[in-house]
Amino acid sequence: MRLEQLQYLVEINRSKSISLAAERAHISQPALSTSISKLEDELRVQLLKRTNQGVYPTEAGEFVIQKALQIIDALEEISSLARVNSNELGGDISIAVELNVNMTFMPKVFSIFRQKYSKANILQKVGESNNILRDVESGKADIGIIIQTEELSKAKDICTKEILQDTLVVLTSKNSPIAGQREISLESAMAQPVILFNSEYITNCGISSILKKYGNINVNYRVDTIVMLEKLLLQENGITFIPRFVAQEYTNMFSGLVALDIKKSPLNIMIALIWSNRHHLCATEKELIKIIRTVLV
């Protein structure tokens, strides 16, 4: 039995896919399959079962995976002792970040992280909260930072750390008929033409899943860039809903936009760190999470 066999098994459990696990482990799919078969032969037990929905561990496989995680974690702690103190942590980290969190906080997070751990490589995707959740569930992203949504509450095998509470406000053009108001009621806001950020062709994005609890919303557009969002807000006199913490970023970046508070707003939100409990957090990822929590709290 070799350590890499246990690592491959853990990666398959995380991604539920032989091909994706092989890609992430940087080996060929046949080589990974052969390695797992040899491990099964050595242990004289079937560890994995294949279904139409993916690859899943057997009962024996679950036991071996839990023990493998303990072994990997212990070895990681031992090997990281000197590296943490000497700034030697490295490797690739894939992180998916909600748009507004990215605009406001991530430049500082990455700057601090890079100064401490220059050998680490961050692969970042910016997206919408529910899309990010699916990326973390599928193993496409190691870590996610999202707005807590109903989909997150239903998700299985996801670890969640709440890091920042905020509320939604309205962003609109200074030429909009409602722009002269310092506040707007939620009912009036919901009646406006709404433009939402979304990174895939779906309608159940994080913000809309929060808003639908309070009635129907008139969503005119779903766009995937800030520039398009700003242009439509200016041209259409529509609105969008954004966290309060990012409002100044938008109004500083785009002088034609203004942010309005929502009267007696029930639209409280929570920003959360997420990762799959099938994913073993390495020392580098743990250090990044520490920095994220320090900057956002």
C-alpha atoms as a PDB file:
ATOM      1  CA  MET A   1       0.000   0.000   0.000  1.00  0.00           C
ATOM      2  CA  ARG A   2       1.358   3.393  -1.000  1.00  0.00           C
ATOM      3  CA  LEU A   3       0.389   6.873   0.161  1.00  0.00           C
ATOM      4  CA  GLU A   4      -0.523   8.007  -3.349  1.00  0.00           C
ATOM      5  CA  GLN A   5      -3.093   5.193  -3.590  1.00  0.00           C
ATOM      6  CA  LEU A   6      -4.857   6.583  -0.538  1.00  0.00           C
ATOM      7  CA  GLN A   7      -4.629  10.094  -1.977  1.00  0.00           C
ATOM      8  CA  TYR A   8      -6.169   8.903  -5.252  1.00  0.00           C
ATOM      9  CA  LEU A   9      -8.990   7.202  -3.356  1.00  0.00           C
ATOM     10  CA  VAL A  10      -9.726  10.388  -1.405  1.00  0.00           C
ATOM     11  CA  GLU A  11      -9.712  12.433  -4.622  1.00  0.00           C
ATOM     12  CA  ILE A  12     -12.140  10.040  -6.336  1.00  0.00           C
ATOM     13  CA  ASN A  13     -14.472  10.268  -3.353  1.00  0.00           C
ATOM     14  CA  ARG A  14     -14.311  14.029  -3.539  1.00  0.00           C
ATOM     15  CA  SER A  15     -14.971  14.413  -7.259  1.00  0.00           C
ATOM     16  CA  LYS A  16     -17.228  11.342  -7.755  1.00  0.00           C
ATOM     17  CA  SER A  17     -15.462  10.910 -11.077  1.00  0.00           C
ATOM     18  CA  ILE A  18     -12.461   8.818 -12.139  1.00  0.00           C
ATOM     19  CA  SER A  19     -11.626  11.172 -15.008  1.00  0.00           C
ATOM     20  CA  LEU A  20     -11.846  14.342 -12.905  1.00  0.00           C
ATOM     21  CA  ALA A  21      -9.835  12.740 -10.094  1.00  0.00           C
ATOM     22  CA  ALA A  22      -7.152  11.722 -12.589  1.00  0.00           C
ATOM     23  CA  GLU A  23      -7.037  15.245 -13.989  1.00  0.00           C
ATOM     24  CA  ARG A  24      -6.652  16.774 -10.533  1.00  0.00           C
ATOM     25  CA  ALA A  25      -4.008  14.194  -9.579  1.00  0.00           C
ATOM     26  CA  HIS A  26      -2.100  14.887 -12.838  1.00  0.00           C
ATOM     27  CA  ILE A  27      -2.044  11.248 -13.961  1.00  0.00           C
ATOM     28  CA  SER A  28      -3.819   9.332 -16.697  1.00  0.00           C
ATOM     29  CA  GLN A  29      -7.219   7.795 -16.061  1.00  0.00           C
ATOM     30  CA  PRO A  30      -5.994   4.217 -16.757  1.00  0.00           C
ATOM     31  CA  ALA A  31      -3.072   4.700 -14.343  1.00  0.00           C
ATOM     32  CA  LEU A  32      -5.399   5.888 -11.596  1.00  0.00           C
ATOM     33  CA  SER A  33      -7.829   3.012 -12.173  1.00  0.00           C
ATOM     34  CA  THR A  34      -4.960   0.518 -12.066  1.00  0.00           C
ATOM     35  CA  SER A  35      -3.660   2.002  -8.824  1.00  0.00           C
ATOM     36  CA  ILE A  36      -7.069   1.680  -7.143  1.00  0.00           C
ATOM     37  CA  SER A  37      -7.521  -1.874  -8.462  1.00  0.00           C
ATOM     38  CA  LYS A  38      -4.173  -2.860  -6.942  1.00  0.00           C
ATOM     39  CA  LEU A  39      -5.233  -1.342  -3.622  1.00  0.00           C
ATOM     40  CA  GLU A  40      -8.494  -3.301  -3.725  1.00  0.00           C
ATOM     41  CA  ASP A  41      -6.582  -6.497  -4.522  1.00  0.00           C
ATOM     42  CA  GLU A  42      -4.191  -5.880  -1.646  1.00  0.00           C
ATOM     43  CA  LEU A  43      -7.024  -5.215   0.812  1.00  0.00           C
ATOM     44  CA  ARG A  44      -9.191  -7.960  -0.725  1.00  0.00           C
ATOM     45  CA  VAL A  45     -12.256  -5.728  -0.699  1.00  0.00           C
ATOM     46  CA  GLN A  46     -14.164  -3.581  -3.193  1.00  0.00           C
ATOM     47  CA  LEU A  47     -13.686   0.101  -2.367  1.00  0.00           C
ATOM     48  CA  LEU A  48     -15.682   1.801  -5.129  1.00  0.00           C
ATOM     49  CA  LYS A  49     -18.909   1.250  -7.022  1.00  0.00           C
ATOM     50  CA  ARG A  50     -19.800   2.891 -10.318  1.00  0.00           C
ATOM     51  CA  THR A  51     -23.299   4.268 -10.995  1.00  0.00           C
ATOM     52  CA  ASN A  52     -24.906   6.476 -13.632  1.00  0.00           C
ATOM     53  CA  GLN A  53     -24.560   9.368 -11.180  1.00  0.00           C
ATOM     54  CA  GLY A  54     -20.834   8.843 -10.609  1.00  0.00           C
ATOM     55  CA  VAL A  55     -18.384   6.802  -8.565  1.00  0.00           C
ATOM     56  CA  TYR A  56     -19.190   6.206  -4.892  1.00  0.00           C
ATOM     57  CA  PRO A  57     -17.410   4.348  -2.071  1.00  0.00           C
ATOM     58  CA  THR A  58     -18.690   1.064  -0.718  1.00  0.00           C
ATOM     59  CA  GLU A  59     -19.140   0.665   3.032  1.00  0.00           C
ATOM     60  CA  ALA A  60     -15.589  -0.654   3.240  1.00  0.00           C
ATOM     61  CA  GLY A  61     -14.470   2.184   0.995  1.00  0.00           C
ATOM     62  CA  GLU A  62     -15.984   4.750   3.371  1.00  0.00           C
ATOM     63  CA  PHE A  63     -14.004   3.242   6.245  1.00  0.00           C
ATOM     64  CA  VAL A  64     -10.733   3.250   4.292  1.00  0.00           C
ATOM     65  CA  ILE A  65     -11.316   6.836   3.115  1.00  0.00           C
ATOM     66  CA  GLN A  66     -11.848   8.094   6.675  1.00  0.00           C
ATOM     67  CA  LYS A  67      -8.638   6.394   7.799  1.00  0.00           C
ATOM     68  CA  ALA A  68      -6.831   7.721   4.716  1.00  0.00           C
ATOM     69  CA  LEU A  69      -7.929  11.271   5.542  1.00  0.00           C
ATOM     70  CA  GLN A  70      -6.534  10.903   9.056  1.00  0.00           C
ATOM     71  CA  ILE A  71      -3.217   9.632   7.686  1.00  0.00           C
ATOM     72  CA  ILE A  72      -2.984  12.371   5.052  1.00  0.00           C
ATOM     73  CA  ASP A  73      -3.882  15.051   7.587  1.00  0.00           C
ATOM     74  CA  ALA A  74      -1.245  13.827  10.045  1.00  0.00           C
ATOM     75  CA  LEU A  75       1.442  13.719   7.355  1.00  0.00           C
ATOM     76  CA  GLU A  76       0.430  17.176   6.133  1.00  0.00           C
ATOM     77  CA  GLU A  77       0.743  18.606   9.641  1.00  0.00           C
ATOM     78  CA  ILE A  78       4.196  17.095  10.050  1.00  0.00           C
ATOM     79  CA  SER A  79       5.471  18.287   6.684  1.00  0.00           C
ATOM     80  CA  SER A  80       3.977  21.765   7.073  1.00  0.00           C
ATOM     81  CA  LEU A  81       5.611  22.599  10.417  1.00  0.00           C
ATOM     82  CA  ALA A  82       8.843  23.874   8.921  1.00  0.00           C
ATOM     83  CA  ARG A  83       7.244  25.147   5.723  1.00  0.00           C
ATOM     84  CA  VAL A  84       4.790  27.460   7.518  1.00  0.00           C
ATOM     85  CA  ASN A  85       7.633  29.062   9.453  1.00  0.00           C
ATOM     86  CA  SER A  86       9.886  29.408   6.424  1.00  0.00           C
ATOM     87  CA  ASN A  87       7.223  30.551   3.934  1.00  0.00           C
ATOM     88  CA  GLU A  88       7.727  27.366   1.929  1.00  0.00           C
ATOM     89  CA  LEU A  89       4.055  26.450   1.489  1.00  0.00           C
ATOM     90  CA  GLY A  90       3.142  25.984  -2.138  1.00  0.00           C
ATOM     91  CA  GLY A  91       0.903  24.122  -4.556  1.00  0.00           C
ATOM     92  CA  ASP A  92      -2.256  25.059  -6.436  1.00  0.00           C
ATOM     93  CA  ILE A  93      -5.447  26.311  -4.800  1.00  0.00           C
ATOM     94  CA  SER A  94      -8.649  26.688  -6.814  1.00  0.00           C
ATOM     95  CA  ILE A  95     -11.053  29.166  -5.252  1.00  0.00           C
ATOM     96  CA  ALA A  96     -14.395  30.458  -6.541  1.00  0.00           C
ATOM     97  CA  VAL A  97     -15.555  33.817  -5.185  1.00  0.00           C
ATOM     98  CA  GLU A  98     -18.866  35.677  -5.315  1.00  0.00           C
ATOM     99  CA  LEU A  99     -18.555  38.807  -7.482  1.00  0.00           C
ATOM    100  CA  ASN A 100     -19.102  41.450  -4.795  1.00  0.00           C
ATOM    101  CA  VAL A 101     -16.808  39.775  -2.269  1.00  0.00           C
ATOM    102  CA  ASN A 102     -14.167  39.593  -4.973  1.00  0.00           C
ATOM    103  CA  MET A 103     -14.411  43.303  -5.784  1.00  0.00           C
ATOM    104  CA  THR A 104     -14.202  44.422  -2.174  1.00  0.00           C
ATOM    105  CA  PHE A 105     -11.987  42.045  -0.239  1.00  0.00           C
ATOM    106  CA  MET A 106     -10.007  39.646  -2.416  1.00  0.00           C
ATOM    107  CA  PRO A 107      -7.294  42.061  -3.655  1.00  0.00           C
ATOM    108  CA  LYS A 108      -6.186  42.541  -0.032  1.00  0.00           C
ATOM    109  CA  VAL A 109      -6.516  38.810   0.711  1.00  0.00           C
ATOM    110  CA  PHE A 110      -4.361  37.856  -2.266  1.00  0.00           C
ATOM    111  CA  SER A 111      -1.793  40.570  -1.517  1.00  0.00           C
ATOM    112  CA  ILE A 112      -1.289  39.340   2.061  1.00  0.00           C
ATOM    113  CA  PHE A 113      -1.219  35.712   0.959  1.00  0.00           C
ATOM    114  CA  ARG A 114       1.299  36.366  -1.822  1.00  0.00           C
ATOM    115  CA  GLN A 115       3.647  38.204   0.534  1.00  0.00           C
ATOM    116  CA  LYS A 116       3.656  35.242   2.933  1.00  0.00           C
ATOM    117  CA  TYR A 117       3.464  32.317   0.510  1.00  0.00           C
ATOM    118  CA  SER A 118       4.961  33.332  -2.807  1.00  0.00           C
ATOM    119  CA  LYS A 119       5.371  29.726  -3.979  1.00  0.00           C
ATOM    120  CA  ALA A 120       1.638  28.995  -3.864  1.00  0.00           C
ATOM    121  CA  ASN A 121      -0.448  29.378  -7.008  1.00  0.00           C
ATOM    122  CA  ILE A 122      -4.062  30.600  -6.747  1.00  0.00           C
ATOM    123  CA  LEU A 123      -6.499  29.685  -9.524  1.00  0.00           C
ATOM    124  CA  GLN A 124      -9.531  31.923  -9.122  1.00  0.00           C
ATOM    125  CA  LYS A 125     -12.993  31.986 -10.656  1.00  0.00           C
ATOM    126  CA  VAL A 126     -15.512  34.767 -10.041  1.00  0.00           C
ATOM    127  CA  GLY A 127     -19.138  33.718 -10.146  1.00  0.00           C
ATOM    128  CA  GLU A 128     -22.603  33.652  -8.633  1.00  0.00           C
ATOM    129  CA  SER A 129     -23.232  31.962  -5.292  1.00  0.00           C
ATOM    130  CA  ASN A 130     -25.305  28.953  -6.379  1.00  0.00           C
ATOM    131  CA  ASN A 131     -22.985  28.306  -9.316  1.00  0.00           C
ATOM    132  CA  ILE A 132     -20.009  28.374  -6.954  1.00  0.00           C
ATOM    133  CA  LEU A 133     -21.757  25.917  -4.643  1.00  0.00           C
ATOM    134  CA  ARG A 134     -22.098  23.473  -7.544  1.00  0.00           C
ATOM    135  CA  ASP A 135     -18.416  23.934  -8.436  1.00  0.00           C
ATOM    136  CA  VAL A 136     -17.395  23.080  -4.867  1.00  0.00           C
ATOM    137  CA  GLU A 137     -19.750  20.082  -4.763  1.00  0.00           C
ATOM    138  CA  SER A 138     -18.339  18.734  -8.037  1.00  0.00           C
ATOM    139  CA  GLY A 139     -14.705  19.311  -7.063  1.00  0.00           C
ATOM    140  CA  LYS A 140     -14.055  22.002  -9.675  1.00  0.00           C
ATOM    141  CA  ALA A 141     -13.197  24.431  -6.854  1.00  0.00           C
ATOM    142  CA  ASP A 142     -11.431  23.614  -3.588  1.00  0.00           C
ATOM    143  CA  ILE A 143     -12.903  26.564  -1.671  1.00  0.00           C
ATOM    144  CA  GLY A 144     -15.854  28.887  -2.280  1.00  0.00           C
ATOM    145  CA  ILE A 145     -16.919  32.234  -0.834  1.00  0.00           C
ATOM    146  CA  ILE A 146     -20.637  32.813  -1.348  1.00  0.00           C
ATOM    147  CA  ILE A 147     -23.794  34.453  -0.106  1.00  0.00           C
ATOM    148  CA  GLN A 148     -25.685  31.860   1.921  1.00  0.00           C
ATOM    149  CA  THR A 149     -28.692  30.662  -0.057  1.00  0.00           C
ATOM    150  CA  GLU A 150     -31.496  28.152   0.267  1.00  0.00           C
ATOM    151  CA  GLU A 151     -29.525  25.768  -1.939  1.00  0.00           C
ATOM    152  CA  LEU A 152     -26.627  25.853   0.513  1.00  0.00           C
ATOM    153  CA  SER A 153     -28.923  24.886   3.387  1.00  0.00           C
ATOM    154  CA  LYS A 154     -29.999  21.821   1.370  1.00  0.00           C
ATOM    155  CA  ALA A 155     -26.492  20.854   0.261  1.00  0.00           C
ATOM    156  CA  LYS A 156     -24.919  17.670   1.561  1.00  0.00           C
ATOM    157  CA  ASP A 157     -21.237  17.103   2.305  1.00  0.00           C
ATOM    158  CA  ILE A 158     -20.501  20.838   2.481  1.00  0.00           C
ATOM    159  CA  CYS A 159     -18.573  22.474   5.329  1.00  0.00           C
ATOM    160  CA  THR A 160     -19.659  26.056   6.046  1.00  0.00           C
ATOM    161  CA  LYS A 161     -17.992  28.853   8.031  1.00  0.00           C
ATOM    162  CA  GLU A 162     -19.988  32.076   8.367  1.00  0.00           C
ATOM    163  CA  ILE A 163     -17.674  35.080   8.142  1.00  0.00           C
ATOM    164  CA  LEU A 164     -19.624  38.285   7.467  1.00  0.00           C
ATOM    165  CA  GLN A 165     -23.218  39.470   7.965  1.00  0.00           C
ATOM    166  CA  ASP A 166     -24.632  42.278   5.846  1.00  0.00           C
ATOM    167  CA  THR A 167     -27.815  43.486   4.157  1.00  0.00           C
ATOM    168  CA  LEU A 168     -28.852  44.132   0.559  1.00  0.00           C
ATOM    169  CA  VAL A 169     -29.283  47.630  -0.862  1.00  0.00           C
ATOM    170  CA  VAL A 170     -30.508  48.894  -4.241  1.00  0.00           C
ATOM    171  CA  LEU A 171     -28.161  50.169  -6.956  1.00  0.00           C
ATOM    172  CA  THR A 172     -29.582  52.288  -9.775  1.00  0.00           C
ATOM    173  CA  SER A 173     -28.821  55.110 -12.207  1.00  0.00           C
ATOM    174  CA  LYS A 174     -28.676  58.681 -10.886  1.00  0.00           C
ATOM    175  CA  ASN A 175     -31.184  59.484 -13.653  1.00  0.00           C
ATOM    176  CA  SER A 176     -33.707  56.952 -12.395  1.00  0.00           C
ATOM    177  CA  PRO A 177     -37.017  58.379 -11.087  1.00  0.00           C
ATOM    178  CA  ILE A 178     -36.301  56.745  -7.724  1.00  0.00           C
ATOM    179  CA  ALA A 179     -32.726  58.047  -7.428  1.00  0.00           C
ATOM    180  CA  GLY A 180     -33.745  61.144  -5.466  1.00  0.00           C
ATOM    181  CA  GLN A 181     -34.931  59.044  -2.567  1.00  0.00           C
ATOM    182  CA  ARG A 182     -32.535  58.155   0.227  1.00  0.00           C
ATOM    183  CA  GLU A 183     -34.542  55.013   0.910  1.00  0.00           C
ATOM    184  CA  ILE A 184     -36.962  52.838  -0.995  1.00  0.00           C
ATOM    185  CA  SER A 185     -39.485  50.344   0.304  1.00  0.00           C
ATOM    186  CA  LEU A 186     -38.933  46.695  -0.530  1.00  0.00           C
ATOM    187  CA  GLU A 187     -42.322  46.629  -2.262  1.00  0.00           C
ATOM    188  CA  SER A 188     -41.337  49.549  -4.525  1.00  0.00           C
ATOM    189  CA  ALA A 189     -37.935  48.033  -5.225  1.00  0.00           C
ATOM    190  CA  MET A 190     -39.456  44.690  -6.202  1.00  0.00           C
ATOM    191  CA  ALA A 191     -41.725  46.495  -8.686  1.00  0.00           C
ATOM    192  CA  GLN A 192     -38.756  47.997 -10.579  1.00  0.00           C
ATOM    193  CA  PRO A 193     -37.151  46.303 -13.592  1.00  0.00           C
ATOM    194  CA  VAL A 194     -34.347  44.224 -12.084  1.00  0.00           C
ATOM    195  CA  ILE A 195     -30.962  43.346 -13.564  1.00  0.00           C
ATOM    196  CA  LEU A 196     -29.065  40.516 -11.854  1.00  0.00           C
ATOM    197  CA  PHE A 197     -25.554  39.157 -12.094  1.00  0.00           C
ATOM    198  CA  ASN A 198     -25.404  35.512 -13.096  1.00  0.00           C
ATOM    199  CA  SER A 199     -22.609  33.405 -14.533  1.00  0.00           C
ATOM    200  CA  GLU A 200     -24.686  30.627 -16.121  1.00  0.00           C
ATOM    201  CA  TYR A 201     -27.945  30.219 -18.036  1.00  0.00           C
ATOM    202  CA  ILE A 202     -30.116  29.587 -14.990  1.00  0.00           C
ATOM    203  CA  THR A 203     -32.747  31.646 -13.187  1.00  0.00           C
ATOM    204  CA  ASN A 204     -32.256  30.471  -9.611  1.00  0.00           C
ATOM    205  CA  CYS A 205     -29.262  32.605  -8.689  1.00  0.00           C
ATOM    206  CA  GLY A 206     -28.434  33.445  -5.080  1.00  0.00           C
ATOM    207  CA  ILE A 207     -29.927  36.950  -4.997  1.00  0.00           C
ATOM    208  CA  SER A 208     -33.156  35.967  -6.744  1.00  0.00           C
ATOM    209  CA  SER A 209     -33.598  33.014  -4.375  1.00  0.00           C
ATOM    210  CA  ILE A 210     -33.438  35.477  -1.468  1.00  0.00           C
ATOM    211  CA  LEU A 211     -35.811  37.980  -3.081  1.00  0.00           C
ATOM    212  CA  LYS A 212     -38.460  35.461  -4.130  1.00  0.00           C
ATOM    213  CA  LYS A 213     -39.340  34.925  -0.471  1.00  0.00           C
ATOM    214  CA  TYR A 214     -40.912  38.398  -0.520  1.00  0.00           C
ATOM    215  CA  GLY A 215     -42.871  38.192  -3.765  1.00  0.00           C
ATOM    216  CA  ASN A 216     -42.401  38.227  -7.512  1.00  0.00           C
ATOM    217  CA  ILE A 217     -39.543  40.169  -9.047  1.00  0.00           C
ATOM    218  CA  ASN A 218     -39.416  41.629 -12.528  1.00  0.00           C
ATOM    219  CA  VAL A 219     -36.049  40.383 -13.809  1.00  0.00           C
ATOM    220  CA  ASN A 220     -35.338  41.973 -17.187  1.00  0.00           C
ATOM    221  CA  TYR A 221     -31.758  40.762 -17.620  1.00  0.00           C
ATOM    222  CA  ARG A 222     -29.221  38.374 -16.140  1.00  0.00           C
ATOM    223  CA  VAL A 223     -25.681  39.334 -17.126  1.00  0.00           C
ATOM    224  CA  ASP A 224     -22.223  37.982 -16.368  1.00  0.00           C
ATOM    225  CA  THR A 225     -20.019  41.101 -16.350  1.00  0.00           C
ATOM    226  CA  ILE A 226     -19.918  44.242 -14.210  1.00  0.00           C
ATOM    227  CA  VAL A 227     -19.533  46.435 -17.289  1.00  0.00           C
ATOM    228  CA  MET A 228     -22.746  45.082 -18.840  1.00  0.00           C
ATOM    229  CA  LEU A 229     -24.537  45.453 -15.511  1.00  0.00           C
ATOM    230  CA  GLU A 230     -23.501  49.108 -15.271  1.00  0.00           C
ATOM    231  CA  LYS A 231     -24.485  49.900 -18.879  1.00  0.00           C
ATOM    232  CA  LEU A 232     -27.933  48.362 -18.494  1.00  0.00           C
ATOM    233  CA  LEU A 233     -28.525  50.149 -15.199  1.00  0.00           C
ATOM    234  CA  LEU A 234     -27.716  53.462 -16.885  1.00  0.00           C
ATOM    235  CA  GLN A 235     -29.679  52.796 -20.089  1.00  0.00           C
ATOM    236  CA  GLU A 236     -32.733  51.034 -18.690  1.00  0.00           C
ATOM    237  CA  ASN A 237     -33.185  52.921 -15.389  1.00  0.00           C
ATOM    238  CA  GLY A 238     -33.455  49.519 -13.773  1.00  0.00           C
ATOM    239  CA  ILE A 239     -32.081  48.406 -10.426  1.00  0.00           C
ATOM    240  CA  THR A 240     -29.965  45.658  -8.989  1.00  0.00           C
ATOM    241  CA  PHE A 241     -29.556  44.369  -5.443  1.00  0.00           C
ATOM    242  CA  ILE A 242     -26.057  44.333  -3.945  1.00  0.00           C
ATOM    243  CA  PRO A 243     -24.556  43.879  -0.466  1.00  0.00           C
ATOM    244  CA  ARG A 244     -24.078  47.132   1.423  1.00  0.00           C
ATOM    245  CA  PHE A 245     -20.347  46.478   1.843  1.00  0.00           C
ATOM    246  CA  VAL A 246     -19.756  46.781  -1.902  1.00  0.00           C
ATOM    247  CA  ALA A 247     -22.001  49.814  -2.584  1.00  0.00           C
ATOM    248  CA  GLN A 248     -19.179  52.349  -2.367  1.00  0.00           C
ATOM    249  CA  GLU A 249     -17.049  50.292  -4.745  1.00  0.00           C
ATOM    250  CA  TYR A 250     -19.754  50.572  -7.407  1.00  0.00           C
ATOM    251  CA  THR A 251     -20.472  54.276  -6.914  1.00  0.00           C
ATOM    252  CA  ASN A 252     -16.751  55.108  -6.936  1.00  0.00           C
ATOM    253  CA  MET A 253     -16.184  53.015 -10.051  1.00  0.00           C
ATOM    254  CA  PHE A 254     -19.259  54.258 -11.921  1.00  0.00           C
ATOM    255  CA  SER A 255     -20.135  57.893 -11.211  1.00  0.00           C
ATOM    256  CA  GLY A 256     -23.553  57.541 -12.841  1.00  0.00           C
ATOM    257  CA  LEU A 257     -24.809  55.091 -10.205  1.00  0.00           C
ATOM    258  CA  VAL A 258     -26.271  55.631  -6.742  1.00  0.00           C
ATOM    259  CA  ALA A 259     -27.069  53.248  -3.874  1.00  0.00           C
ATOM    260  CA  LEU A 260     -30.357  53.389  -1.937  1.00  0.00           C
ATOM    261  CA  ASP A 261     -31.140  51.793   1.410  1.00  0.00           C
ATOM    262  CA  ILE A 262     -34.229  49.603   1.684  1.00  0.00           C
ATOM    263  CA  LYS A 263     -36.652  50.769   4.396  1.00  0.00           C
ATOM    264  CA  LYS A 264     -36.876  48.338   7.301  1.00  0.00           C
ATOM    265  CA  SER A 265     -35.005  45.868   5.142  1.00  0.00           C
ATOM    266  CA  PRO A 266     -35.470  42.186   5.909  1.00  0.00           C
ATOM    267  CA  LEU A 267     -32.856  41.364   3.276  1.00  0.00           C
ATOM    268  CA  ASN A 268     -30.089  40.304   5.635  1.00  0.00           C
ATOM    269  CA  ILE A 269     -27.408  38.123   4.102  1.00  0.00           C
ATOM    270  CA  MET A 270     -24.495  36.048   5.349  1.00  0.00           C
ATOM    271  CA  ILE A 271     -21.204  35.586   3.528  1.00  0.00           C
ATOM    272  CA  ALA A 272     -19.784  32.112   4.055  1.00  0.00           C
ATOM    273  CA  LEU A 273     -16.703  30.067   3.283  1.00  0.00           C
ATOM    274  CA  ILE A 274     -17.516  26.631   1.918  1.00  0.00           C
ATOM    275  CA  TRP A 275     -15.638  23.484   0.964  1.00  0.00           C
ATOM    276  CA  SER A 276     -16.564  19.865   0.456  1.00  0.00           C
ATOM    277  CA  ASN A 277     -16.083  17.590   3.441  1.00  0.00           C
ATOM    278  CA  ARG A 278     -14.749  15.104   0.889  1.00  0.00           C
ATOM    279  CA  HIS A 279     -11.891  17.541   0.226  1.00  0.00           C
ATOM    280  CA  HIS A 280      -8.875  17.392   2.530  1.00  0.00           C
ATOM    281  CA  LEU A 281      -7.756  20.954   3.263  1.00  0.00           C
ATOM    282  CA  CYS A 282      -3.994  21.141   2.834  1.00  0.00           C
ATOM    283  CA  ALA A 283      -1.809  23.465   4.917  1.00  0.00           C
ATOM    284  CA  THR A 284      -1.713  26.073   2.136  1.00  0.00           C
ATOM    285  CA  GLU A 285      -5.511  26.179   1.911  1.00  0.00           C
ATOM    286  CA  LYS A 286      -5.805  26.454   5.691  1.00  0.00           C
ATOM    287  CA  GLU A 287      -3.475  29.457   5.671  1.00  0.00           C
ATOM    288  CA  LEU A 288      -5.509  31.102   2.895  1.00  0.00           C
ATOM    289  CA  ILE A 289      -8.712  30.555   4.883  1.00  0.00           C
ATOM    290  CA  LYS A 290      -7.117  32.180   7.939  1.00  0.00           C
ATOM    291  CA  ILE A 291      -6.280  35.267   5.887  1.00  0.00           C
ATOM    292  CA  ILE A 292      -9.765  35.407   4.332  1.00  0.00           C
ATOM    293  CA  ARG A 293     -11.409  35.285   7.752  1.00  0.00           C
ATOM    294  CA  THR A 294      -9.055  37.968   9.108  1.00  0.00           C
ATOM    295  CA  VAL A 295      -9.771  40.355   6.220  1.00  0.00           C
ATOM    296  CA  LEU A 296     -13.543  39.825   6.073  1.00  0.00           C
ATOM    297  CA  VAL A 297     -14.395  39.691   9.778  1.00  0.00           C
END
